[in-house]
C-alpha atoms as a PDB file:
ATOM      1  CA  MET A   1       1.637 -22.689   9.640  1.00  0.00           C
ATOM      2  CA  SER A   2       0.299 -18.743   8.093  1.00  0.00           C
ATOM      3  CA  HIS A   3       2.479 -16.930   5.871  1.00  0.00           C
ATOM      4  CA  THR A   4       2.085 -13.168   5.574  1.00  0.00           C
ATOM      5  CA  VAL A   5       2.196 -11.711   2.071  1.00  0.00           C
ATOM      6  CA  THR A   6       3.850  -7.837   2.651  1.00  0.00           C
ATOM      7  CA  ALA A   7       4.443  -5.413   0.080  1.00  0.00           C
ATOM      8  CA  GLU A   8       7.663  -4.998  -1.746  1.00  0.00           C
ATOM      9  CA  LEU A   9       7.608  -1.088  -2.275  1.00  0.00           C
ATOM     10  CA  VAL A  10       5.695   1.881  -1.173  1.00  0.00           C
ATOM     11  CA  ALA A  11       2.947   2.265  -2.892  1.00  0.00           C
ATOM     12  CA  ASN A  12      -1.359   2.255  -3.146  1.00  0.00           C
ATOM     13  CA  VAL A  13      -3.712  -0.658  -2.934  1.00  0.00           C
ATOM     14  CA  LEU A  14      -5.506  -0.210  -6.145  1.00  0.00           C
ATOM     15  CA  LYS A  15      -7.591  -3.707  -5.166  1.00  0.00           C
ATOM     16  CA  VAL A  16      -7.548  -6.584  -3.127  1.00  0.00           C
ATOM     17  CA  GLU A  17      -8.173  -9.777  -5.640  1.00  0.00           C
ATOM     18  CA  VAL A  18      -9.189 -12.472  -2.742  1.00  0.00           C
ATOM     19  CA  GLU A  19     -11.608 -12.387  -0.050  1.00  0.00           C
ATOM     20  CA  VAL A  20     -11.122 -14.411   3.154  1.00  0.00           C
ATOM     21  CA  GLY A  21     -11.901 -18.173   2.689  1.00  0.00           C
ATOM     22  CA  ASP A  22     -10.567 -18.272  -0.947  1.00  0.00           C
ATOM     23  CA  LEU A  23      -8.389 -20.868  -2.262  1.00  0.00           C
ATOM     24  CA  VAL A  24      -4.598 -19.580  -3.712  1.00  0.00           C
ATOM     25  CA  THR A  25      -2.238 -21.235  -4.670  1.00  0.00           C
ATOM     26  CA  ALA A  26       1.306 -20.021  -5.525  1.00  0.00           C
ATOM     27  CA  ASP A  27       1.944 -17.362  -8.097  1.00  0.00           C
ATOM     28  CA  ASP A  28      -2.342 -16.460  -7.756  1.00  0.00           C
ATOM     29  CA  PRO A  29      -2.559 -12.447  -7.538  1.00  0.00           C
ATOM     30  CA  VAL A  30      -3.695 -11.087  -4.059  1.00  0.00           C
ATOM     31  CA  VAL A  31      -3.273  -7.591  -3.784  1.00  0.00           C
ATOM     32  CA  ILE A  32      -2.845  -5.182  -7.247  1.00  0.00           C
ATOM     33  CA  LEU A  33      -0.409  -2.169  -5.602  1.00  0.00           C
ATOM     34  CA  GLU A  34       0.288   0.901  -8.115  1.00  0.00           C
ATOM     35  CA  SER A  35       2.786   2.999  -7.808  1.00  0.00           C
ATOM     36  CA  MET A  36       3.978   6.162 -10.180  1.00  0.00           C
ATOM     37  CA  LYS A  37       1.058   4.740 -12.469  1.00  0.00           C
ATOM     38  CA  MET A  38       2.224   1.311 -12.899  1.00  0.00           C
ATOM     39  CA  GLU A  39      -0.250  -1.414 -11.767  1.00  0.00           C
ATOM     40  CA  ILE A  40       1.924  -4.082  -9.749  1.00  0.00           C
ATOM     41  CA  PRO A  41       0.534  -7.438  -8.692  1.00  0.00           C
ATOM     42  CA  VAL A  42       1.630  -9.108  -5.694  1.00  0.00           C
ATOM     43  CA  LEU A  43       1.451 -13.102  -5.101  1.00  0.00           C
ATOM     44  CA  ALA A  44       0.381 -15.661  -3.122  1.00  0.00           C
ATOM     45  CA  GLU A  45       3.745 -17.093  -1.965  1.00  0.00           C
ATOM     46  CA  VAL A  46       2.256 -20.431  -1.217  1.00  0.00           C
ATOM     47  CA  ASP A  47      -1.072 -22.633  -1.226  1.00  0.00           C
ATOM     48  CA  GLY A  48      -3.139 -22.071   1.338  1.00  0.00           C
ATOM     49  CA  MET A  49      -6.404 -20.125   2.399  1.00  0.00           C
ATOM     50  CA  VAL A  50      -7.044 -15.852   2.990  1.00  0.00           C
ATOM     51  CA  ALA A  51      -7.179 -15.923   6.545  1.00  0.00           C
ATOM     52  CA  GLU A  52      -6.929 -12.199   6.800  1.00  0.00           C
ATOM     53  CA  ILE A  53      -7.379  -9.170   4.447  1.00  0.00           C
ATOM     54  CA  ILE A  54      -4.965  -6.718   6.391  1.00  0.00           C
ATOM     55  CA  ALA A  55      -5.159  -3.872   3.842  1.00  0.00           C
ATOM     56  CA  GLY A  56      -7.529  -2.541   1.620  1.00  0.00           C
ATOM     57  CA  ALA A  57      -8.201  -0.431  -1.316  1.00  0.00           C
ATOM     58  CA  GLY A  58      -7.139   3.192  -1.155  1.00  0.00           C
ATOM     59  CA  ASP A  59      -4.804   2.126   1.960  1.00  0.00           C
ATOM     60  CA  VAL A  60      -1.041   3.596   1.474  1.00  0.00           C
ATOM     61  CA  VAL A  61       1.541   0.273   1.945  1.00  0.00           C
ATOM     62  CA  THR A  62       5.387   0.712   2.596  1.00  0.00           C
ATOM     63  CA  ASP A  63       7.829  -1.659   1.939  1.00  0.00           C
ATOM     64  CA  GLY A  64       7.262  -4.872   4.446  1.00  0.00           C
ATOM     65  CA  ASP A  65       3.544  -4.094   4.907  1.00  0.00           C
ATOM     66  CA  PRO A  66       1.282  -6.795   5.805  1.00  0.00           C
ATOM     67  CA  LEU A  67      -1.435  -7.349   3.334  1.00  0.00           C
ATOM     68  CA  VAL A  68      -2.904 -10.790   3.434  1.00  0.00           C
ATOM     69  CA  VAL A  69      -2.588 -13.771   5.637  1.00  0.00           C
ATOM     70  CA  ILE A  70      -2.726 -17.235   3.651  1.00  0.00           C
ATOM     71  CA  ASP A  71      -2.965 -20.166   5.835  1.00  0.00           C
ATOM     72  CA  GLU A  72      -0.717 -22.587   3.975  1.00  0.00           C
ATOM     73  CA  ARG A  73      -1.978 -26.373   3.371  1.00  0.00           C
END
C-alpha cells in the first residue's frame, strides 16, 4: 500500500531529504519547506520505501499538494 506525504501549508520546497529507494521510518524528515523565513520539516507518517518524489527544490506547494510517495512496509 502506498502513502502520499502532502504539504500542510503554502511554502517553497527548500530541500528534499530522501531519494527514491531510501528506507524511511515514521517521523523521518523527507522534505524541508520554507515559509516566511522559517524552515519546516515534513515528516514521513509511515515506515517504508520512498517510491516517488513529486516535489523538488524550488517548487512552490500549497496545502494538500503531494510531495513524496512511500510504499508502506
